[in-house]
C-alpha cells in the first residue's frame, strides 16, 4: 500500500496513528540497551560465560548499532525507509527469540549481534519517516518530541519491567519484550506508514559502507575500552585507526558522484552546530547516568528493582521535557530555548554536588529531575534542526548522522566521566586502605567501589566497616566532582548554542521532490 504525503501539507489522523506505531520500536530499542544489565547475574550462572564472552554479550549490541547507523540510514534512502524498517523489525523479533532461548554464550553473542544490526535500522528509519509524514514545521517538531520521548520512556521503564520479569521468569524473558511490539509494527506498518526514498539515489557504494562501519566501530571500541580498562596503547591505536579510516571515508565521499553521505551537509551551520550540541548534551547525560545505578545500589544499599524505580522519574521528566519543547519554540527562538534548557541542566548538576549532605536520596532525585528536564528539549530541537537543515531526499542519511552523534556523545561521556570518577575515587580511597591489606586486595579495592565493599566484608572487626564507609564516601566525592564537570559542559554548550544558532539561516531548497512508492 502507498501513502502519499504532499510537501507542506498538515498531517491527517493516519499520520498521527502512524507516529504512535513508530514510537513503539523506539521504546523497545531503548529498553534493550538497559534490561540486559539486570539479567547478567542470572545469565552468568546459567551460561557460565568467560569474562571476555560476558563483555561481548553486553557490548556487541551497542557496537553494531553505532557502526551500522550510517549504512542503514543511507540504505533506507535507496530501497525505501518503510521497507527497511519492516525488514529490521522482522529481524529484531527473530533475533530476540534466539537471544531469549540461547543455550550457550556463543549463540547469545551471535543473537545480540543480529539485534544490533536490526536495531540500527530502527532509529534512522523511524526518524526519516517522521520527516516524510510531517511536512508542517510545528507538527514535525512535536512529532520529533514524541519520538525522543519514546526513547526516554524505554530507558525509564526498562529497568522496572526487567526487574519484574527477572523476579518471576528466567533471564531470557527480558528479550521477549520486543516480540509483540515488532509483530504489531509488521501488521500495521504497511497500512499506516508511507514509503519514501531518494528518487535519484544510485547504487550503494559498498566500500564506503565498509569504511563507515570500520571507522565508527574502531573509535567506539577504543572509547569504551578506555572507560572499562583505562586509557592505554590498544584503545589509543583503535581510536587512531578509526580516525584514519574515517578520513579515507570522507575523501572517498568527495570523489563519488553518488556518495554514501553528502559531506556538504556539514557546511550548513545549523546542521553542524546542532550535531555538536547534541553530542555534548549526551556526553553529560549518559556519562552521569553511568554512575547513578552504582550509587543507589552500592552506596545507598538498594536492590536492582528499587534502584530502577527511583531512576524511573528521570525518564518521565525527560519524556515530559521532550513533549514541551514544541510549545516553547512557539514563543521563543530555538537558540533561546536550547541555551535556557542547558542552563537548567547545569543547575541540576550543581544540585548533585551536594550528595554528601544529610539527604542524599532527595538531592539525587531532585538533581536528576532538574537536569533531565533541562536536557530533554535539547534532543528534540537539535534533531529537528538537523532534519530541517537537510534536503528531504537525504532524510535517512541525516537521521543516521544525528543518531551517530547520540552514540558518540554517550560513548565519550561514559569514557571521560568514567575515567574522571575512577581517578578521583582512587585518590580518595587509597589513604583509607588498611596498611596490612595485601597488595592484590588493595589494588582491587582502589579500582572500584564494588570491589572495595567485597574486600571490606572479609576484614575483621571495625576495619571492614571503616573501609566500607571510606570507599562509599570516596565514591560520593567522585560523583560530586563529576557533577561539577557536567555543569561546566552544560553551561559551555548553552553558550555555544546561543552563539551559533542565533546566526541560523535556512538552507537553500534542494528542488528535488520526494519519491513515494509501494
Protein backbone atom coordinates (compact mmCIF):
# COMPACT_ATOMS: atom_id res chain seq x y z
CA UNK A 1 0.00 0.00 0.00
CA UNK A 2 1.26 3.51 -0.84
CA UNK A 3 0.56 6.57 1.29
CA UNK A 4 1.38 9.90 -0.38
CA UNK A 5 2.36 12.86 1.76
CA UNK A 6 2.26 16.17 -0.11
CA UNK A 7 5.03 18.66 0.74
CA UNK A 8 3.81 21.37 3.10
CA UNK A 9 0.56 19.57 3.95
CA UNK A 10 -0.64 19.16 7.50
CA UNK A 11 -0.78 15.68 8.96
CA UNK A 12 -4.02 13.73 8.96
CA UNK A 13 -5.20 11.25 11.64
CA UNK A 14 -3.45 8.50 9.63
CA UNK A 15 -0.07 10.15 10.22
CA UNK A 16 -0.70 10.64 13.93
CA UNK A 17 -1.67 6.98 14.37
CA UNK A 18 1.40 6.09 12.31
CA UNK A 19 3.52 8.15 14.72
CA UNK A 20 2.26 6.00 17.61
CA UNK A 21 3.28 2.91 15.66
CA UNK A 22 6.74 4.41 15.02
CA UNK A 23 7.20 5.22 18.72
CA UNK A 24 6.83 1.59 19.80
CA UNK A 25 10.04 0.17 18.25
CA UNK A 26 11.97 3.18 19.57
CA UNK A 27 10.76 2.37 23.08
CA UNK A 28 11.88 -1.26 22.70
CA UNK A 29 15.21 -0.22 21.15
CA UNK A 30 15.92 1.90 24.24
CA UNK A 31 14.76 -0.78 26.67
CA UNK A 32 17.07 -3.34 25.05
CA UNK A 33 20.04 -1.15 25.96
CA UNK A 34 19.18 -1.29 29.69
CA UNK A 35 17.40 -4.52 30.62
CA UNK A 36 20.35 -6.83 29.94
CA UNK A 37 22.40 -5.31 32.77
CA UNK A 38 19.85 -6.58 35.30
CA UNK A 39 19.91 -10.08 33.79
CA UNK A 40 23.69 -10.53 33.95
CA UNK A 41 23.80 -12.36 37.33
CA UNK A 42 21.22 -14.98 36.25
CA UNK A 43 22.67 -15.21 32.76
CA UNK A 44 26.19 -15.76 34.14
CA UNK A 45 25.01 -18.54 36.45
CA UNK A 46 23.18 -20.32 33.63
CA UNK A 47 25.52 -19.97 30.62
CA UNK A 48 28.78 -19.54 32.56
CA UNK A 49 30.42 -17.20 30.02
CA UNK A 50 34.09 -16.27 30.31
CA UNK A 51 34.96 -12.69 31.21
CA UNK A 52 35.63 -11.90 27.54
CA UNK A 53 32.36 -13.53 26.43
CA UNK A 54 30.37 -11.60 29.03
CA UNK A 55 31.93 -8.36 27.79
CA UNK A 56 30.91 -9.17 24.22
CA UNK A 57 27.39 -10.16 25.29
CA UNK A 58 26.96 -6.72 26.85
CA UNK A 59 28.79 -4.61 24.24
CA UNK A 60 28.19 -6.22 20.84
CA UNK A 61 24.66 -4.77 20.56
CA UNK A 62 25.78 -1.18 21.06
CA UNK A 63 28.87 -1.62 18.89
CA UNK A 64 26.92 -2.84 15.87
CA UNK A 65 24.13 -0.29 16.33
CA UNK A 66 26.68 2.54 16.33
CA UNK A 67 28.73 1.11 13.49
CA UNK A 68 25.78 0.39 11.19
CA UNK A 69 23.65 3.52 11.61
CA UNK A 70 25.14 5.45 8.70
CA UNK A 71 24.94 2.49 6.34
CA UNK A 72 21.35 1.66 7.34
CA UNK A 73 20.18 5.28 7.11
CA UNK A 74 21.57 5.63 3.60
CA UNK A 75 20.25 2.20 2.62
CA UNK A 76 16.77 3.36 3.61
CA UNK A 77 17.10 6.36 1.27
CA UNK A 78 17.76 3.88 -1.55
CA UNK A 79 15.46 0.90 -1.01
CA UNK A 80 12.70 2.69 0.90
CA UNK A 81 12.55 3.69 4.55
CA UNK A 82 9.37 1.78 5.36
CA UNK A 83 10.72 -1.34 3.69
CA UNK A 84 13.97 -1.16 5.67
CA UNK A 85 12.05 -0.54 8.91
CA UNK A 86 9.87 -3.61 8.39
CA UNK A 87 12.86 -5.78 7.45
CA UNK A 88 14.64 -4.58 10.59
CA UNK A 89 11.57 -5.20 12.75
CA UNK A 90 11.29 -8.78 11.50
CA UNK A 91 14.99 -9.40 12.08
CA UNK A 92 14.79 -7.83 15.55
CA UNK A 93 11.89 -10.10 16.52
CA UNK A 94 13.62 -13.26 15.31
CA UNK A 95 16.90 -12.31 17.00
CA UNK A 96 15.06 -11.55 20.25
CA UNK A 97 13.66 -15.09 20.31
CA UNK A 98 17.11 -16.54 19.55
CA UNK A 99 18.64 -14.48 22.38
CA UNK A 100 15.92 -15.47 24.85
CA UNK A 101 16.49 -19.20 24.31
CA UNK A 102 20.23 -19.15 23.56
CA UNK A 103 21.77 -22.34 25.03
CA UNK A 104 25.34 -21.01 25.08
CA UNK A 105 27.29 -17.79 25.40
CA UNK A 106 28.47 -18.04 21.78
CA UNK A 107 24.92 -18.19 20.41
CA UNK A 108 23.83 -15.35 22.68
CA UNK A 109 26.66 -13.19 21.32
CA UNK A 110 25.54 -14.02 17.77
CA UNK A 111 21.91 -13.18 18.59
CA UNK A 112 22.95 -9.89 20.19
CA UNK A 113 24.99 -9.06 17.07
CA UNK A 114 21.92 -9.60 14.85
CA UNK A 115 19.89 -7.48 17.30
CA UNK A 116 22.45 -4.69 16.87
CA UNK A 117 22.27 -4.79 13.07
CA UNK A 118 18.46 -4.86 13.18
CA UNK A 119 18.37 -2.11 15.81
CA UNK A 120 20.46 0.12 13.54
CA UNK A 121 17.57 0.16 11.04
CA UNK A 122 15.00 1.33 13.59
CA UNK A 123 16.15 4.79 14.69
CA UNK A 124 17.08 6.32 11.29
CA UNK A 125 14.10 4.73 9.53
CA UNK A 126 11.58 5.95 12.09
CA UNK A 127 13.06 9.46 12.21
CA UNK A 128 13.29 9.83 8.42
CA UNK A 129 9.69 8.61 8.09
CA UNK A 130 8.66 11.35 10.54
CA UNK A 131 10.40 13.82 8.21
CA UNK A 132 8.26 12.44 5.37
CA UNK A 133 4.95 12.25 7.25
CA UNK A 134 5.06 15.66 8.97
CA UNK A 135 5.76 18.44 6.48
CA UNK A 136 4.40 21.25 8.67
CA UNK A 137 7.27 22.65 10.78
CA UNK A 138 5.36 22.82 14.07
CA UNK A 139 3.83 19.39 13.64
CA UNK A 140 7.23 17.92 12.77
CA UNK A 141 8.80 19.41 15.90
CA UNK A 142 6.03 17.94 18.02
CA UNK A 143 6.38 14.54 16.31
CA UNK A 144 10.12 14.54 16.97
CA UNK A 145 9.33 15.35 20.60
CA UNK A 146 7.16 12.24 20.75
CA UNK A 147 9.94 10.25 19.07
CA UNK A 148 12.53 11.43 21.63
CA UNK A 149 10.07 10.81 24.46
CA UNK A 150 9.63 7.19 23.37
CA UNK A 151 13.35 6.57 23.82
CA UNK A 152 13.24 8.25 27.23
CA UNK A 153 10.22 6.19 28.26
CA UNK A 154 12.01 3.00 27.23
CA UNK A 155 15.06 3.91 29.29
CA UNK A 156 12.81 4.70 32.27
CA UNK A 157 10.62 1.60 32.26
CA UNK A 158 13.27 -0.82 31.04
CA UNK A 159 14.86 -1.45 34.45
CA UNK A 160 11.44 -1.67 36.11
CA UNK A 161 9.95 -4.12 33.60
CA UNK A 162 13.20 -6.07 33.54
CA UNK A 163 13.27 -6.28 37.33
CA UNK A 164 9.69 -7.57 37.47
CA UNK A 165 10.35 -10.19 34.76
CA UNK A 166 13.53 -11.40 36.41
CA UNK A 167 11.74 -11.89 39.72
CA UNK A 168 9.25 -14.30 38.09
CA UNK A 169 10.91 -15.73 34.97
CA UNK A 170 14.30 -16.74 33.56
CA UNK A 171 16.88 -14.27 32.22
CA UNK A 172 15.81 -14.73 28.59
CA UNK A 173 12.39 -13.24 29.29
CA UNK A 174 13.84 -9.71 29.08
CA UNK A 175 14.45 -10.22 25.35
CA UNK A 176 10.86 -11.28 24.62
CA UNK A 177 9.54 -7.81 25.46
CA UNK A 178 10.31 -6.84 21.86
CA UNK A 179 8.29 -9.60 20.22
CA UNK A 180 4.68 -8.24 20.46
CA UNK A 181 5.86 -4.73 19.56
CA UNK A 182 7.64 -5.87 16.39
CA UNK A 183 4.67 -8.04 15.39
CA UNK A 184 2.36 -5.03 15.78
CA UNK A 185 4.70 -2.91 13.64
CA UNK A 186 4.79 -5.57 10.91
CA UNK A 187 0.97 -5.77 10.85
CA UNK A 188 0.15 -2.04 10.98
CA UNK A 189 3.20 -0.55 9.26
CA UNK A 190 2.21 -1.33 5.64
CA UNK A 191 -1.18 0.37 6.15
CA UNK A 192 -0.18 3.43 8.19
CA UNK A 193 3.34 4.35 7.11
CA UNK A 194 4.31 5.93 3.78
CA UNK A 195 7.06 4.53 1.59
CA UNK A 196 9.71 7.12 0.75
CA UNK A 197 13.11 7.05 -0.89
CA UNK A 198 15.56 9.29 -2.71
CA UNK A 199 14.35 9.32 -6.35
CA UNK A 200 17.84 9.96 -7.69
CA UNK A 201 19.75 7.55 -5.46
CA UNK A 202 22.30 5.42 -7.24
CA UNK A 203 23.71 2.09 -6.20
CA UNK A 204 25.06 1.64 -2.69
CA UNK A 205 28.85 2.12 -2.63
CA UNK A 206 29.89 -0.95 -0.65
CA UNK A 207 33.50 0.21 0.02
CA UNK A 208 32.09 3.39 1.58
CA UNK A 209 29.70 1.35 3.72
CA UNK A 210 32.58 -0.85 4.91
CA UNK A 211 34.76 2.19 5.67
CA UNK A 212 31.99 3.86 7.70
CA UNK A 213 31.36 0.71 9.77
CA UNK A 214 35.07 0.16 10.47
CA UNK A 215 35.67 3.82 11.36
CA UNK A 216 32.79 4.08 13.82
CA UNK A 217 33.36 0.65 15.36
CA UNK A 218 37.07 1.30 15.92
CA UNK A 219 36.52 4.67 17.60
CA UNK A 220 33.62 3.44 19.74
CA UNK A 221 35.60 0.34 20.75
CA UNK A 222 38.60 2.47 21.76
CA UNK A 223 36.43 4.83 23.79
CA UNK A 224 34.54 2.04 25.58
CA UNK A 225 37.74 0.09 26.26
CA UNK A 226 39.22 3.24 27.83
CA UNK A 227 36.17 3.57 30.07
CA UNK A 228 36.39 -0.04 31.24
CA UNK A 229 40.13 -0.68 31.49
CA UNK A 230 41.77 2.75 31.38
CA UNK A 231 43.44 4.54 28.50
CA UNK A 232 46.32 2.53 27.06
CA UNK A 233 48.03 1.51 23.86
CA UNK A 234 45.22 -0.70 22.50
CA UNK A 235 42.38 1.84 22.78
CA UNK A 236 44.68 4.60 21.51
CA UNK A 237 45.55 2.54 18.42
CA UNK A 238 41.87 1.69 17.87
CA UNK A 239 40.84 5.36 18.03
CA UNK A 240 43.68 6.47 15.73
CA UNK A 241 42.88 3.69 13.26
CA UNK A 242 39.20 4.65 13.32
CA UNK A 243 40.01 8.31 12.68
CA UNK A 244 42.34 7.37 9.81
CA UNK A 245 39.66 5.17 8.21
CA UNK A 246 37.14 7.97 8.78
CA UNK A 247 39.40 10.37 6.87
CA UNK A 248 39.58 7.88 3.99
CA UNK A 249 35.77 7.64 4.10
CA UNK A 250 35.35 11.43 3.84
CA UNK A 251 37.86 11.68 0.97
CA UNK A 252 36.03 8.93 -0.90
CA UNK A 253 32.66 10.66 -0.44
CA UNK A 254 34.03 13.84 -2.01
CA UNK A 255 35.10 11.95 -5.13
CA UNK A 256 31.93 9.92 -5.67
CA UNK A 257 29.07 11.13 -7.86
CA UNK A 258 26.62 9.39 -5.54
CA UNK A 259 28.23 9.34 -2.07
CA UNK A 260 27.02 7.33 0.90
CA UNK A 261 26.85 10.61 2.85
CA UNK A 262 26.69 14.08 1.33
CA UNK A 263 29.51 15.70 3.31
CA UNK A 264 28.33 19.11 2.09
CA UNK A 265 25.62 18.81 4.76
CA UNK A 266 28.27 19.68 7.33
CA UNK A 267 28.76 23.06 5.65
CA UNK A 268 25.25 24.05 6.77
CA UNK A 269 25.93 25.96 10.03
CA UNK A 270 22.72 24.91 11.80
CA UNK A 271 23.30 21.26 10.84
CA UNK A 272 26.85 21.10 12.24
CA UNK A 273 26.07 23.21 15.31
CA UNK A 274 23.02 21.09 16.19
CA UNK A 275 25.05 17.89 15.89
CA UNK A 276 27.78 19.22 18.19
CA UNK A 277 25.28 20.47 20.77
CA UNK A 278 23.53 17.10 20.63
CA UNK A 279 26.81 15.26 21.19
CA UNK A 280 27.84 17.43 24.15
CA UNK A 281 24.46 17.19 25.89
CA UNK A 282 24.51 13.39 25.58
CA UNK A 283 28.10 13.45 26.89
CA UNK A 284 26.87 14.92 30.16
CA UNK A 285 23.65 12.90 30.45
CA UNK A 286 24.82 9.36 29.70
CA UNK A 287 28.18 9.86 31.35
CA UNK A 288 26.48 10.69 34.63
CA UNK A 289 23.77 8.03 34.35
CA UNK A 290 26.61 5.51 34.27
CA UNK A 291 27.20 6.02 37.99
CA UNK A 292 23.67 6.64 39.30
CA UNK A 293 22.81 2.94 39.40
CA UNK A 294 26.04 2.16 41.25
CA UNK A 295 25.35 4.93 43.76
CA UNK A 296 21.82 3.73 44.51
CA UNK A 297 22.80 0.08 44.91
CA UNK A 298 26.31 0.25 46.39
CA UNK A 299 26.21 3.46 48.44
CA UNK A 300 22.55 3.59 49.45
CA UNK A 301 22.15 -0.22 49.58
CA UNK A 302 19.14 -0.65 47.28
CA UNK A 303 18.25 -3.73 45.23
CA UNK A 304 18.05 -3.58 41.42
CA UNK A 305 14.26 -3.17 41.26
CA UNK A 306 14.18 -0.46 43.94
CA UNK A 307 17.02 1.38 42.21
CA UNK A 308 15.16 1.12 38.89
CA UNK A 309 12.05 2.61 40.47
CA UNK A 310 14.00 5.60 41.78
CA UNK A 311 15.60 6.18 38.36
CA UNK A 312 12.26 5.92 36.52
CA UNK A 313 11.09 9.51 37.35
CA UNK A 314 14.09 10.89 35.47
CA UNK A 315 12.91 9.12 32.32
CA UNK A 316 9.42 10.54 32.83
CA UNK A 317 10.93 14.02 33.23
CA UNK A 318 12.94 13.51 30.04
CA UNK A 319 9.84 12.44 28.14
CA UNK A 320 7.82 15.39 29.51
CA UNK A 321 10.51 17.89 28.54
CA UNK A 322 10.69 16.45 25.03
CA UNK A 323 6.94 16.95 24.62
CA UNK A 324 7.03 20.51 25.98
CA UNK A 325 9.82 21.62 23.61
CA UNK A 326 7.50 22.28 20.62
CA UNK A 327 5.34 24.56 22.79
CA UNK A 328 8.38 26.56 23.94
CA UNK A 329 9.61 27.30 20.40
CA UNK A 330 6.25 28.83 19.55
CA UNK A 331 7.14 31.67 21.91
CA UNK A 332 10.93 31.78 21.81
CA UNK A 333 13.60 31.10 19.20
CA UNK A 334 15.13 27.57 19.25
CA UNK A 335 18.52 29.03 20.22
CA UNK A 336 16.98 30.71 23.27
CA UNK A 337 15.12 27.56 24.34
CA UNK A 338 18.18 25.32 23.88
CA UNK A 339 20.51 27.69 25.74
CA UNK A 340 18.00 28.13 28.59
CA UNK A 341 17.38 24.39 28.82
CA UNK A 342 21.11 23.68 29.05
CA UNK A 343 21.44 26.31 31.79
CA UNK A 344 18.66 24.50 33.69
CA UNK A 345 20.55 21.22 33.20
CA UNK A 346 23.65 22.87 34.65
CA UNK A 347 21.61 23.81 37.73
CA UNK A 348 20.60 20.17 38.11
CA UNK A 349 24.23 19.09 38.05
CA UNK A 350 25.08 21.78 40.62
CA UNK A 351 22.41 20.33 42.94
CA UNK A 352 24.14 16.94 42.61
CA UNK A 353 27.32 18.41 44.08
CA UNK A 354 25.56 18.18 47.47
CA UNK A 355 25.24 14.39 47.63
CA UNK A 356 27.43 14.23 50.70
CA UNK A 357 24.85 16.03 52.85
CA UNK A 358 22.12 14.73 55.15
CA UNK A 359 19.52 13.93 52.46
CA UNK A 360 21.43 12.16 49.66
CA UNK A 361 18.44 10.43 48.06
CA UNK A 362 16.38 13.64 47.93
CA UNK A 363 19.35 15.51 46.44
CA UNK A 364 19.94 12.77 43.86
CA UNK A 365 16.31 12.58 42.70
CA UNK A 366 15.93 16.38 42.60
CA UNK A 367 19.17 16.86 40.69
CA UNK A 368 18.26 14.12 38.21
CA UNK A 369 14.81 15.58 37.58
CA UNK A 370 16.18 19.08 37.02
CA UNK A 371 18.98 18.09 34.64
CA UNK A 372 16.68 15.71 32.73
CA UNK A 373 14.06 18.45 32.33
CA UNK A 374 16.85 20.70 31.09
CA UNK A 375 18.45 18.29 28.64
CA UNK A 376 15.23 16.84 27.20
CA UNK A 377 14.22 19.80 24.94
CA UNK A 378 17.76 19.88 23.57
CA UNK A 379 17.48 16.47 21.91
CA UNK A 380 14.12 17.32 20.34
CA UNK A 381 15.14 20.72 18.98
CA UNK A 382 18.63 19.80 17.75
CA UNK A 383 17.21 16.73 15.98
CA UNK A 384 14.57 18.95 14.38
CA UNK A 385 17.29 21.38 13.26
CA UNK A 386 19.31 18.55 11.72
CA UNK A 387 16.32 17.18 9.80
CA UNK A 388 15.08 20.63 8.81
CA UNK A 389 18.51 21.62 7.50
CA UNK A 390 18.90 18.57 5.25
CA UNK A 391 17.07 18.09 1.93
CA UNK A 392 14.05 15.73 2.26
CA UNK A 393 15.58 13.15 -0.09
CA UNK A 394 18.56 12.86 2.29
CA UNK A 395 16.38 12.37 5.39
CA UNK A 396 17.65 8.85 6.03
CA UNK A 397 21.32 9.87 5.92
CA UNK A 398 20.65 12.96 8.07
CA UNK A 399 18.76 10.85 10.61
CA UNK A 400 21.62 8.35 10.75
CA UNK A 401 24.19 11.12 11.29
CA UNK A 402 22.04 12.54 14.10
CA UNK A 403 21.76 9.12 15.76
CA UNK A 404 25.50 8.54 15.38
CA UNK A 405 26.15 11.81 17.24
CA UNK A 406 23.96 10.42 20.06
CA UNK A 407 26.07 7.25 20.14
CA UNK A 408 29.38 9.12 20.12
CA UNK A 409 28.22 11.60 22.75
CA UNK A 410 27.15 8.81 25.08
CA UNK A 411 30.29 6.74 24.49
CA UNK A 412 32.66 9.66 25.02
CA UNK A 413 30.76 10.78 28.11
CA UNK A 414 30.92 7.31 29.63
CA UNK A 415 34.63 7.04 28.87
CA UNK A 416 35.69 10.50 30.05
CA UNK A 417 33.45 10.81 33.11
CA UNK A 418 34.08 7.18 34.00
CA UNK A 419 37.83 7.84 33.92
CA UNK A 420 37.46 11.01 35.99
CA UNK A 421 35.32 9.25 38.57
CA UNK A 422 37.74 6.31 38.80
CA UNK A 423 40.74 8.59 39.22
CA UNK A 424 39.11 10.71 41.93
CA UNK A 425 37.76 7.63 43.73
CA UNK A 426 41.22 6.00 43.72
CA UNK A 427 42.88 9.15 45.05
CA UNK A 428 40.37 9.47 47.91
CA UNK A 429 40.14 5.80 48.93
CA UNK A 430 43.83 4.83 48.96
CA UNK A 431 44.61 6.69 52.24
CA UNK A 432 41.77 4.77 53.92
CA UNK A 433 43.07 1.30 52.99
CA UNK A 434 44.43 -0.70 55.96
CA UNK A 435 48.24 -0.85 55.91
CA UNK A 436 48.21 -4.64 56.40
CA UNK A 437 45.95 -5.24 53.38
CA UNK A 438 47.65 -7.46 50.75
CA UNK A 439 48.72 -5.62 47.60
CA UNK A 440 46.33 -7.55 45.36
CA UNK A 441 43.32 -6.72 47.52
CA UNK A 442 44.44 -3.11 47.91
CA UNK A 443 44.65 -2.77 44.11
CA UNK A 444 41.14 -4.19 43.68
CA UNK A 445 39.65 -2.01 46.41
CA UNK A 446 41.18 1.13 44.93
CA UNK A 447 39.78 0.28 41.48
CA UNK A 448 36.03 0.06 42.05
CA UNK A 449 33.56 0.59 44.86
CA UNK A 450 32.08 -2.89 44.36
CA UNK A 451 35.49 -4.49 44.88
CA UNK A 452 36.16 -2.34 47.94
CA UNK A 453 32.90 -3.44 49.55
CA UNK A 454 33.74 -7.10 48.87
CA UNK A 455 37.14 -6.64 50.49
CA UNK A 456 35.53 -4.86 53.44
CA UNK A 457 33.20 -7.80 54.08
CA UNK A 458 36.18 -10.10 54.65
CA UNK A 459 38.06 -7.76 57.00
CA UNK A 460 37.71 -8.44 60.75
CA UNK A 461 36.09 -6.14 63.28
CA UNK A 462 35.80 -2.43 62.73
CA UNK A 463 38.35 -2.41 59.88
CA UNK A 464 35.77 -3.69 57.42
CA UNK A 465 33.15 -1.15 58.43
CA UNK A 466 35.70 1.66 58.26
CA UNK A 467 36.79 0.66 54.74
CA UNK A 468 33.19 0.37 53.56
CA UNK A 469 32.33 3.83 54.84
CA UNK A 470 35.53 5.34 53.43
CA UNK A 471 35.01 3.80 49.99
CA UNK A 472 31.38 4.99 49.85
CA UNK A 473 32.48 8.49 50.85
CA UNK A 474 35.21 8.45 48.19
CA UNK A 475 32.71 7.38 45.53
CA UNK A 476 30.28 10.11 46.59
CA UNK A 477 33.03 12.74 46.40
CA UNK A 478 33.98 11.49 42.94
CA UNK A 479 30.34 11.85 41.84
CA UNK A 480 30.26 15.41 43.18
CA UNK A 481 33.35 16.37 41.18
CA UNK A 482 31.89 14.68 38.10
CA UNK A 483 28.76 16.79 38.62
CA UNK A 484 30.88 19.94 38.55
CA UNK A 485 32.38 18.83 35.23
CA UNK A 486 28.92 18.10 33.81
CA UNK A 487 27.66 21.51 34.95
CA UNK A 488 30.59 23.20 33.20
CA UNK A 489 29.92 21.22 29.99
CA UNK A 490 26.22 22.13 30.10
CA UNK A 491 26.99 25.84 30.58
CA UNK A 492 29.62 25.79 27.82
CA UNK A 493 27.17 24.07 25.47
CA UNK A 494 24.50 26.66 26.34
CA UNK A 495 26.91 29.41 25.31
CA UNK A 496 27.75 27.53 22.10
CA UNK A 497 24.04 27.20 21.25
CA UNK A 498 23.42 30.88 21.89
CA UNK A 499 26.36 31.97 19.71
CA UNK A 500 25.86 29.59 16.77
CA UNK A 501 22.13 29.00 16.42
CA UNK A 502 21.19 32.68 16.65
CA UNK A 503 23.01 33.06 13.34
CA UNK A 504 21.00 30.24 11.81
CA UNK A 505 19.93 30.70 8.20
CA UNK A 506 17.63 28.31 6.39
CA UNK A 507 19.40 26.13 3.84
CA UNK A 508 18.60 26.57 0.15
CA UNK A 509 15.81 24.39 -1.17
CA UNK A 510 17.05 21.31 -2.90
CA UNK A 511 14.45 21.50 -5.65
CA UNK A 512 14.07 17.76 -5.65
CA UNK A 513 10.77 16.04 -4.97
CA UNK A 514 10.37 13.18 -2.55
CA UNK A 515 9.52 9.93 -4.29
CA UNK A 516 6.91 7.63 -2.90
CA UNK A 517 6.19 4.11 -3.91
CA UNK A 518 4.77 0.85 -2.70
